[in-house]
Amino acid sequence: MGRERRGRWRDGRGRLLVRGESGEVLGAPVPLEISTSYRARTRGLLGRDALDGAMLLSPASGVHTFGMRIPIDVAYLDRRLTVLAVRTMPPGRLGRPRLRARHVLEAEAGAMAGWGLRVGARVEVDVPPAP
């Protein structure tokens, strides 16, 4: 799998690596759904009862949870994939956009804390090579 630090991704799947502030990988890779097209970003997690891993929305600076069935964790990432903020949002809410955010990660509520994802951490997106 090829590693990409910034958003030149396509809709598909990959793995998310969470790095601590000193650069060490925290835990195992997380299964990742990548949503970069308008259609995929708009659909997001709507109508799902669960998510295995995380979903990356790119580009994105904010999200909402209208029409969602489950509470979610939301991490706002800058262009270098550094975590700017992490919030838990119940269904039916409108999240405040983050000015420096370029990407948003979504996961089931509580998952991000288990991965060690917090403000200042960096993530890496590992995607399979293009055919």
Protein backbone atom coordinates (compact mmCIF):
# COMPACT_ATOMS: atom_id res chain seq x y z
CA MET A 1 0.00 0.00 0.00
CA GLY A 2 1.20 3.49 -0.78
CA ARG A 3 1.20 6.17 1.87
CA GLU A 4 -0.20 9.61 1.17
CA ARG A 5 0.08 12.47 3.59
CA ARG A 6 -2.33 14.84 1.91
CA GLY A 7 -5.53 14.60 -0.03
CA ARG A 8 -5.05 13.17 -3.47
CA TRP A 9 -7.25 10.27 -2.65
CA ARG A 10 -10.20 8.74 -4.46
CA ASP A 11 -13.35 7.15 -3.09
CA GLY A 12 -12.39 3.75 -1.76
CA ARG A 13 -10.74 1.98 1.13
CA GLY A 14 -7.48 2.15 2.96
CA ARG A 15 -6.00 2.13 6.44
CA LEU A 16 -5.56 4.89 8.97
CA LEU A 17 -2.38 5.08 11.05
CA VAL A 18 -2.48 7.26 14.16
CA ARG A 19 0.83 8.80 15.25
CA GLY A 20 1.55 10.36 18.62
CA GLU A 21 3.15 13.77 19.03
CA SER A 22 6.62 12.21 18.92
CA GLY A 23 5.83 10.32 15.70
CA GLU A 24 5.33 6.79 17.06
CA VAL A 25 2.45 4.73 15.63
CA LEU A 26 -0.27 4.26 18.24
CA GLY A 27 -2.00 0.90 18.03
CA ALA A 28 -2.99 -1.14 15.01
CA PRO A 29 -4.02 0.33 11.64
CA VAL A 30 -7.70 1.27 11.47
CA PRO A 31 -9.88 0.23 8.49
CA LEU A 32 -10.73 3.39 6.53
CA GLU A 33 -13.40 4.37 4.03
CA ILE A 34 -12.34 7.33 1.89
CA SER A 35 -15.01 9.70 0.58
CA THR A 36 -13.71 12.39 -1.77
CA SER A 37 -16.48 12.80 -4.35
CA TYR A 38 -19.37 15.16 -3.63
CA ARG A 39 -21.80 12.25 -3.69
CA ALA A 40 -19.78 10.08 -1.28
CA ARG A 41 -19.14 12.99 1.13
CA THR A 42 -22.83 13.93 1.12
CA ARG A 43 -23.91 10.34 1.85
CA GLY A 44 -21.25 9.81 4.53
CA LEU A 45 -22.59 7.70 7.40
CA LEU A 46 -26.27 8.48 6.81
CA GLY A 47 -28.55 5.55 7.52
CA ARG A 48 -25.86 3.30 9.02
CA ASP A 49 -26.17 1.50 12.31
CA ALA A 50 -22.43 0.88 12.67
CA LEU A 51 -19.03 1.58 11.12
CA ASP A 52 -16.01 -0.71 11.12
CA GLY A 53 -13.14 1.75 11.52
CA ALA A 54 -13.34 5.31 10.26
CA MET A 55 -14.50 7.41 7.32
CA LEU A 56 -12.36 10.21 5.87
CA LEU A 57 -14.21 13.08 4.20
CA SER A 58 -11.97 15.17 1.97
CA PRO A 59 -12.16 18.02 1.39
CA ALA A 60 -14.30 18.96 4.38
CA SER A 61 -14.19 21.46 7.23
CA GLY A 62 -17.41 20.58 9.02
CA VAL A 63 -20.14 17.94 9.32
CA HIS A 64 -23.69 17.40 10.50
CA THR A 65 -25.41 14.38 12.00
CA PHE A 66 -28.93 14.96 10.66
CA GLY A 67 -30.36 11.61 9.56
CA MET A 68 -27.72 9.59 11.44
CA ARG A 69 -28.73 6.72 13.69
CA ILE A 70 -25.68 6.65 15.97
CA PRO A 71 -23.53 9.21 17.82
CA ILE A 72 -20.14 9.72 16.18
CA ASP A 73 -16.67 10.99 16.97
CA VAL A 74 -15.48 13.71 14.60
CA ALA A 75 -11.84 14.71 14.17
CA TYR A 76 -10.96 17.84 12.19
CA LEU A 77 -7.62 17.61 10.36
CA ASP A 78 -5.46 20.33 8.84
CA ARG A 79 -3.65 20.01 5.49
CA ARG A 80 -0.78 18.12 7.16
CA LEU A 81 -3.25 15.64 8.71
CA THR A 82 -2.69 16.98 12.22
CA VAL A 83 -5.73 16.75 14.50
CA LEU A 84 -7.14 20.21 15.27
CA ALA A 85 -10.14 19.12 17.35
CA VAL A 86 -12.06 15.98 18.33
CA ARG A 87 -15.75 16.09 19.19
CA THR A 88 -18.50 13.56 19.90
CA MET A 89 -21.76 14.45 18.18
CA PRO A 90 -25.17 12.89 18.83
CA PRO A 91 -27.60 12.45 15.91
CA GLY A 92 -29.42 15.57 14.73
CA ARG A 93 -26.63 18.14 15.28
CA LEU A 94 -24.80 20.66 13.13
CA GLY A 95 -21.07 20.78 13.78
CA ARG A 96 -19.26 24.10 13.71
CA PRO A 97 -16.84 24.27 10.74
CA ARG A 98 -13.16 24.63 11.65
CA LEU A 99 -11.34 27.35 9.74
CA ARG A 100 -8.05 25.47 9.23
CA ALA A 101 -9.67 22.06 8.70
CA ARG A 102 -9.20 20.45 5.29
CA HIS A 103 -10.35 16.92 6.13
CA VAL A 104 -12.73 15.30 8.62
CA LEU A 105 -12.59 11.82 10.14
CA GLU A 106 -15.75 10.18 11.45
CA ALA A 107 -16.06 7.05 13.60
CA GLU A 108 -18.44 5.49 16.10
CA ALA A 109 -18.56 7.44 19.37
CA GLY A 110 -15.72 6.46 21.68
CA ALA A 111 -13.55 4.83 19.00
CA MET A 112 -11.08 7.69 18.56
CA ALA A 113 -10.12 7.77 22.23
CA GLY A 114 -9.31 4.06 21.98
CA TRP A 115 -7.02 4.76 19.01
CA GLY A 116 -5.19 7.54 20.89
CA LEU A 117 -6.50 10.16 18.47
CA ARG A 118 -6.40 13.57 20.16
CA VAL A 119 -5.47 17.16 19.40
CA GLY A 120 -1.90 17.37 18.13
CA ALA A 121 -1.73 13.76 16.90
CA ARG A 122 -1.02 13.16 13.23
CA VAL A 123 -2.62 10.57 11.03
CA GLU A 124 -1.41 8.84 7.92
CA VAL A 125 -3.64 7.46 5.18
CA ASP A 126 -2.42 4.21 3.68
CA VAL A 127 -4.10 3.39 0.35
CA PRO A 128 -3.61 0.59 -2.14
CA PRO A 129 -1.75 1.64 -5.30
CA ALA A 130 -3.87 2.68 -8.27
CA PRO A 131 -4.37 -0.07 -10.87
